[in-house]
Protein backbone atom coordinates (compact mmCIF):
# COMPACT_ATOMS: atom_id res chain seq x y z
CA HIS A 1 0.00 0.00 0.00
CA VAL A 2 2.99 2.31 0.49
CA PHE A 3 4.11 2.21 -3.16
CA PRO A 4 0.80 3.40 -4.68
CA PHE A 5 0.63 6.19 -2.11
CA MET A 6 4.17 7.38 -2.89
CA PHE A 7 3.49 7.20 -6.63
CA PHE A 8 0.34 9.31 -6.25
CA LEU A 9 2.24 11.83 -4.09
CA LEU A 10 5.07 12.19 -6.63
CA LEU A 11 2.58 12.56 -9.47
CA SER A 12 0.74 15.32 -7.60
CA MET A 13 4.00 17.19 -6.95
CA PHE A 14 4.95 16.91 -10.64
CA ILE A 15 1.59 18.30 -11.76
CA ALA A 16 1.81 21.19 -9.26
CA LEU A 17 5.34 22.04 -10.48
CA PHE A 18 4.18 21.98 -14.11
CA LEU A 19 1.24 24.29 -13.40
CA PHE A 20 3.46 26.68 -11.43
CA LYS A 21 5.78 27.09 -14.41
CA HIS A 22 3.16 27.40 -17.14
CA VAL A 23 0.15 29.13 -15.58
CA ASP A 24 -0.22 32.88 -15.04
CA HIS A 25 0.60 33.40 -11.34
CA ARG A 26 -1.91 36.21 -10.94
CA ASN A 27 -5.05 34.78 -9.37
CA LEU A 28 -8.54 35.14 -10.81
CA PHE A 29 -9.59 37.51 -8.05
CA THR A 30 -6.79 39.92 -8.95
CA GLN A 31 -7.66 39.66 -12.64
CA ARG A 32 -11.31 40.53 -11.98
CA VAL A 33 -10.42 43.42 -9.68
CA CYS A 34 -7.96 44.92 -12.16
CA CYS A 35 -10.53 44.89 -14.98
CA LYS A 36 -12.62 47.77 -13.75
CA ARG A 37 -14.40 50.91 -14.80
CA GLN A 38 -12.36 54.10 -14.72
CA SER A 39 -13.46 57.69 -15.18
CA HIS A 40 -13.46 58.99 -18.74
CA PHE A 41 -14.89 62.49 -19.07
CA VAL A 42 -16.14 63.60 -22.47
CA TYR A 43 -17.19 67.13 -23.36
CA ILE A 44 -20.76 66.99 -24.68
CA GLY A 45 -21.70 70.63 -25.27
CA GLN A 46 -23.67 73.44 -23.62
CA ASP A 47 -26.92 73.08 -21.70
CA ILE A 48 -29.89 75.44 -21.99
CA LEU A 49 -28.24 77.81 -19.46
CA GLY A 50 -25.04 78.02 -21.49
CA SER A 51 -22.96 75.94 -19.06
CA HIS A 52 -20.39 73.55 -20.50
CA ILE A 53 -21.32 69.92 -19.85
CA SER A 54 -18.83 67.06 -19.46
CA VAL A 55 -20.07 63.53 -18.76
CA ASP A 56 -18.17 60.65 -17.18
CA VAL A 57 -18.98 58.00 -19.81
CA GLY A 58 -16.48 55.59 -18.25
CA MET A 59 -13.76 53.39 -19.70
CA CYS A 60 -12.83 49.74 -19.14
CA ARG A 61 -9.16 49.32 -18.23
CA SER A 62 -7.42 45.98 -17.78
CA HIS A 63 -4.17 47.21 -16.23
CA CYS A 64 -3.08 46.67 -12.65
CA GLY A 65 -1.33 49.23 -10.50
CA ALA A 66 -3.52 52.20 -11.45
CA PRO A 67 -2.99 55.35 -9.38
CA THR A 68 -5.26 55.69 -6.38
CA THR A 69 -6.26 59.25 -7.33
CA PRO A 70 -8.58 59.32 -10.38
CA PRO A 71 -7.05 61.20 -13.33
CA TYR A 72 -9.90 63.70 -13.38
CA GLU A 73 -9.46 64.53 -9.67
CA ALA A 74 -5.69 64.76 -10.13
CA GLY A 75 -6.22 67.19 -12.99
CA LYS A 76 -8.47 69.38 -10.87
CA GLN A 77 -5.84 69.47 -8.11
CA GLN A 78 -3.15 70.50 -10.60
CA TYR A 79 -4.98 73.40 -12.24
CA SER A 80 -7.03 74.55 -9.21
CA LYS A 81 -4.30 77.04 -8.29
CA TYR A 82 -4.70 78.84 -11.63
CA SER A 83 -7.28 81.58 -12.17
CA SER A 84 -8.54 80.06 -15.42
CA MET A 85 -8.14 77.05 -17.69
CA LEU A 86 -6.36 79.27 -20.23
CA ASP A 87 -3.67 80.16 -17.68
CA PHE A 88 -3.24 76.49 -16.87
CA LEU A 89 -2.82 75.55 -20.55
CA LYS A 90 -0.30 78.38 -21.02
CA SER A 91 1.71 77.14 -18.05
CA LYS A 92 1.79 73.67 -19.58
CA LYS A 93 3.50 74.97 -22.71
CA THR A 94 6.20 76.77 -20.76
CA ARG A 95 6.80 73.92 -18.33
CA THR A 96 9.56 71.50 -19.31
CA ARG A 97 8.84 67.83 -18.98
CA GLY A 98 11.67 65.60 -17.83
CA PRO A 99 12.22 62.21 -19.48
CA ALA A 100 11.47 60.51 -16.20
CA ALA A 101 7.93 61.82 -16.15
CA SER A 102 6.63 59.45 -18.79
CA GLN A 103 8.60 56.60 -17.26
CA SER A 104 7.36 57.07 -13.70
CA ALA A 105 4.95 54.23 -14.12
CA GLY A 106 6.95 51.06 -14.04
CA PRO A 107 6.30 47.98 -16.18
CA LEU A 108 4.24 46.47 -13.36
CA ASN A 109 1.67 49.22 -13.83
CA HIS A 110 0.96 48.08 -17.39
CA LEU A 111 0.38 44.37 -16.97
CA PRO A 112 -2.84 43.31 -18.70
CA SER A 113 -4.93 41.68 -15.99
CA CYS A 114 -7.35 39.81 -18.26
CA GLY A 115 -4.62 37.67 -19.80
CA VAL A 116 -3.74 37.13 -23.45
CA THR A 117 -7.00 35.39 -24.39
CA GLN A 118 -9.37 37.90 -22.77
CA VAL A 119 -10.26 41.57 -23.03
CA CYS A 120 -11.73 44.01 -20.50
CA GLU A 121 -15.24 44.85 -21.73
CA PRO A 122 -18.36 46.61 -20.33
CA THR A 123 -20.89 44.32 -18.63
CA GLY A 124 -23.69 46.84 -18.96
CA MET A 125 -24.39 50.35 -20.16
CA ARG A 126 -27.11 52.88 -19.58
CA VAL A 127 -28.32 55.61 -21.91
CA ASP A 128 -28.66 59.04 -20.29
CA ARG A 129 -30.80 61.65 -22.00
CA LEU A 130 -29.46 65.21 -21.63
CA LEU A 131 -31.14 68.48 -22.54
CA LEU A 132 -28.60 70.60 -24.42
CA PHE A 133 -28.90 73.98 -26.12
CA GLU A 134 -29.34 72.21 -29.49
CA GLY A 135 -31.95 69.79 -28.08
CA HIS A 136 -32.04 66.39 -26.43
CA ARG A 137 -28.93 64.23 -26.64
CA GLU A 138 -28.44 60.57 -25.72
CA VAL A 139 -25.12 59.52 -24.14
CA ALA A 140 -24.09 55.91 -23.51
CA VAL A 141 -22.44 55.46 -20.08
CA ILE A 142 -20.45 52.37 -19.00
CA GLU A 143 -21.67 51.05 -15.64
CA ASP A 144 -19.29 48.13 -14.97
CA CYS A 145 -16.60 46.00 -16.64
CA HIS A 146 -15.39 42.40 -16.67
CA CYS A 147 -12.96 40.12 -18.51
CA GLU A 148 -14.46 38.69 -21.70
CA ILE A 149 -12.96 35.94 -23.87
CA LYS A 150 -11.56 37.12 -27.21
CA LEU A 151 -13.31 35.46 -30.13
CA ALA A 152 -11.46 34.16 -33.18
CA GLN A 153 -14.32 34.98 -35.56
CA CYS A 154 -16.35 38.08 -36.34
CA ILE A 155 -19.83 37.58 -34.87
CA ARG A 156 -22.62 39.52 -33.21
CA VAL A 157 -22.30 39.59 -29.40
CA PRO A 158 -24.84 40.65 -26.75
CA GLY A 159 -24.84 44.27 -25.62
CA LEU A 160 -27.27 45.21 -22.84
CA ARG A 161 -28.31 48.85 -22.52
CA THR A 162 -30.66 50.38 -19.97
CA TYR A 163 -32.99 53.12 -21.17
CA PHE A 164 -34.80 55.57 -18.87
CA SER A 165 -32.88 54.32 -15.84
CA GLU A 166 -34.45 54.77 -12.40
CA THR A 167 -37.85 55.68 -13.86
CA PRO A 168 -41.10 53.70 -14.23
CA TYR A 169 -40.20 53.30 -17.92
CA GLU A 170 -36.80 51.65 -17.28
CA THR A 171 -36.15 49.10 -20.04
CA VAL A 172 -33.17 46.84 -20.75
CA ILE A 173 -32.58 45.98 -24.42
CA ASP A 174 -29.95 43.80 -26.06
CA VAL A 175 -28.81 46.26 -28.75
CA GLY A 176 -25.96 43.92 -29.66
CA GLY A 177 -22.45 44.64 -30.86
CA CYS A 178 -19.60 43.10 -32.82
CA SER A 179 -16.82 40.96 -31.38
CA GLN A 180 -13.25 42.20 -31.23
CA SER A 181 -11.96 39.39 -33.40
CA LYS A 182 -8.24 38.69 -33.21
CA GLY A 183 -6.09 37.98 -36.23
CA SER A 184 -8.06 40.31 -38.53
CA PRO A 185 -6.30 41.61 -41.67
CA ASP A 186 -4.72 45.05 -41.40
CA GLY A 187 -7.25 47.82 -41.95
CA PHE A 188 -10.24 45.54 -41.33
CA SER A 189 -12.54 45.46 -38.31
CA CYS A 190 -15.58 43.51 -37.16
CA VAL A 191 -18.41 45.97 -37.80
CA PRO A 192 -22.25 45.88 -37.94
CA THR A 193 -23.71 45.33 -41.41
CA LYS A 194 -27.36 44.50 -40.66
CA PHE A 195 -29.77 46.21 -38.27
CA GLU A 196 -33.19 45.66 -36.74
CA SER A 197 -35.43 47.82 -34.57
CA ALA A 198 -37.07 47.64 -31.14
CA LEU A 199 -39.75 49.84 -29.58
CA VAL A 200 -39.30 51.49 -26.17
CA GLU A 201 -42.26 53.07 -24.40
CA THR A 202 -41.70 56.57 -23.04
CA PRO A 203 -43.92 59.06 -21.14
CA ASN A 204 -44.60 61.03 -24.33
CA GLU A 205 -44.12 58.70 -27.27
CA VAL A 206 -42.57 55.43 -28.46
CA ASP A 207 -38.85 55.52 -29.29
CA LEU A 208 -37.33 53.37 -32.02
CA ILE A 209 -34.04 51.73 -30.96
CA GLN A 210 -31.59 50.43 -33.55
CA ILE A 211 -30.26 46.91 -32.86
CA VAL A 212 -27.24 45.20 -34.42
CA ALA A 213 -28.39 42.02 -36.18
CA ALA A 214 -25.22 40.86 -37.99
CA CYS A 215 -21.51 41.68 -38.24
CA GLU A 216 -18.80 41.24 -40.89
CA LEU A 217 -15.14 42.03 -41.41
CA LYS A 218 -14.98 45.35 -43.23
CA GLU A 219 -12.67 48.31 -43.70
CA SER A 220 -13.08 51.24 -41.30
CA CYS A 221 -15.24 53.08 -43.87
CA TYR A 222 -17.68 50.74 -45.57
CA ARG A 223 -20.99 50.41 -47.43
CA VAL A 224 -23.99 48.55 -46.00
CA ARG A 225 -27.22 47.44 -47.62
CA TYR A 226 -30.17 49.83 -47.17
CA VAL A 227 -33.35 48.97 -49.07
CA GLU A 228 -36.09 51.39 -50.18
CA TYR A 229 -39.36 50.49 -51.96
CA TYR A 230 -41.15 52.40 -54.70
CA TYR A 231 -44.25 51.87 -56.84
CA GLU A 232 -43.34 51.17 -60.47
CA THR A 233 -45.67 51.09 -63.48
CA VAL A 234 -44.75 48.61 -66.24
CA HIS A 235 -46.38 48.67 -69.71
CA HIS A 236 -46.35 45.24 -71.38
CA ALA A 237 -46.31 44.64 -75.15
CA GLU A 238 -49.95 43.49 -75.22
CA GLY A 239 -51.04 46.82 -73.80
CA VAL A 240 -51.49 45.66 -70.23
CA LYS A 241 -50.38 48.10 -67.53
CA GLU A 242 -49.02 46.55 -64.34
CA GLU A 243 -48.21 48.30 -61.07
CA LYS A 244 -45.68 46.54 -58.89
CA LEU A 245 -43.30 47.18 -56.02
CA LYS A 246 -39.70 48.03 -56.97
CA GLU A 247 -36.91 47.29 -54.48
CA ILE A 248 -33.74 49.40 -54.65
CA ASP A 249 -30.67 48.94 -52.46
CA VAL A 250 -29.66 52.59 -52.12
CA GLY A 251 -26.91 51.76 -49.63
CA ARG A 252 -25.42 53.66 -46.72
CA CYS A 253 -21.91 54.59 -45.61
CA LEU A 254 -20.93 53.56 -42.09
CA GLY A 255 -17.77 53.56 -40.05
CA SER A 256 -15.36 56.36 -39.28
CA CYS A 257 -12.04 57.77 -40.35
CA THR A 258 -9.08 58.95 -38.34
CA THR A 259 -9.81 62.44 -37.04
CA GLY A 260 -6.69 63.17 -35.00
CA ASN A 261 -6.15 63.43 -31.26
CA ARG A 262 -9.27 64.17 -29.17
CA CYS A 263 -7.52 64.96 -25.89
CA LEU A 264 -8.28 68.49 -24.64
CA LEU A 265 -6.27 68.40 -21.40
CA ARG A 266 -3.26 66.17 -20.62
CA SER A 267 -1.44 65.67 -17.35
CA PRO A 268 1.70 67.85 -17.09
CA SER A 269 3.52 65.09 -15.21
CA ASP A 270 2.50 62.21 -17.50
CA PRO A 271 1.54 63.01 -21.12
CA GLU A 272 -0.05 59.56 -21.44
CA ILE A 273 -2.86 60.62 -19.07
CA CYS A 274 -5.72 62.66 -20.53
CA HIS A 275 -7.98 64.48 -18.05
CA LEU A 276 -10.61 65.67 -20.53
CA TRP A 277 -11.61 64.35 -23.94
CA SER A 278 -13.54 66.06 -26.71
CA GLU A 279 -16.59 64.37 -28.11
CA ARG A 280 -15.94 61.88 -30.89
CA GLN A 281 -16.22 63.80 -34.14
CA SER A 282 -18.84 62.95 -36.72
CA SER A 283 -17.82 60.37 -39.29
CA SER A 284 -16.22 61.60 -42.51
CA CYS A 285 -17.04 58.32 -44.25
CA VAL A 286 -18.93 59.51 -47.34
CA PRO A 287 -20.23 58.01 -50.62
CA GLN A 288 -17.71 57.71 -53.44
CA GLY A 289 -19.50 55.89 -56.27
CA TYR A 290 -23.11 56.03 -57.42
CA GLU A 291 -25.42 54.37 -59.90
CA SER A 292 -28.86 55.50 -61.07
CA HIS A 293 -32.14 53.56 -61.22
CA SER A 294 -34.89 54.99 -63.46
CA PHE A 295 -38.50 53.81 -63.60
CA VAL A 296 -42.04 55.05 -64.24
CA ASN A 297 -44.02 55.71 -61.06
CA GLN A 298 -47.77 55.24 -60.53
CA TYR A 299 -48.44 58.75 -61.90
CA GLY A 300 -46.74 58.01 -65.22
CA GLN A 301 -43.70 60.15 -64.38
CA ILE A 302 -40.08 59.02 -64.80
CA ARG A 303 -38.40 58.77 -61.39
CA THR A 304 -34.61 58.45 -60.93
CA ILE A 305 -33.09 57.17 -57.68
CA LEU A 306 -29.36 57.23 -56.94
CA SER A 307 -27.79 54.38 -55.00
CA ILE A 308 -24.39 54.29 -53.30
CA THR A 309 -21.94 51.73 -54.73
CA SER A 310 -18.83 52.53 -52.64
CA CYS A 311 -17.64 54.70 -49.73
CA HIS A 312 -14.37 56.41 -48.80
CA CYS A 313 -12.82 58.72 -46.22
CA ARG A 314 -13.16 62.36 -47.16
CA ASN A 315 -9.90 64.32 -46.95
């Protein structure tokens, strides 16, 4: 009985030694804690009183060793001694930055906590409705984050969003999204190509919410199918007039193009830290090629519809 016991003991020690050498030593608890929501303030615009509005939309970070003071609070501490933001920005230009400033954060502060096969993603988002000077504006805010497995293929993934939070009309809808597929060709991304709609009841009306139905690998600026229907009158050789429905894929351009740096205020001690971001600029992905579709409508008039054949980034 001693020999089987010793054999089992040696086998267990060998397995433990193998796992110690080949498994990531950071425990799962640490990985989950490090993948967390961090503040990410975005300038939205002016409200009806003329005040500038910035919203903490959040950001999922999967790096351990983050500073205890939030970047936004640190920024306020740094420029609170100046009379205005303009004075603070002027002082930044005259202040010299030493090479050690950007290297103050050691390599331990940049270890990805989710591992190689996972990514830090939002677990849920809510949609806040703000009243700005130009009208109502919807802003998506990240509520929490977790480690999600990276997928090898481009597919639609769930994306829960809460509308009218903390009201009797609170509704959670799976608006969907596209996976961050690894190994994609350069210049290609997993993007939505097909959409559906869902209805959300509100105190005043019913809102139509767009839902991602399918995803494909596309370039950053790409064309998607968008169908419109028209009544067409066809005159046959035997003198019979027929009215039928004509389907035309007029197309749409989706995606975005590089618009430069959106950081409005960086940390003077660490240029990698941005305290305030500008709102993401509108897409400059525009139609490039067209084709025309002519037909006779139900009133006997010739109607011409243009459809998009290709898209490109406008310079």
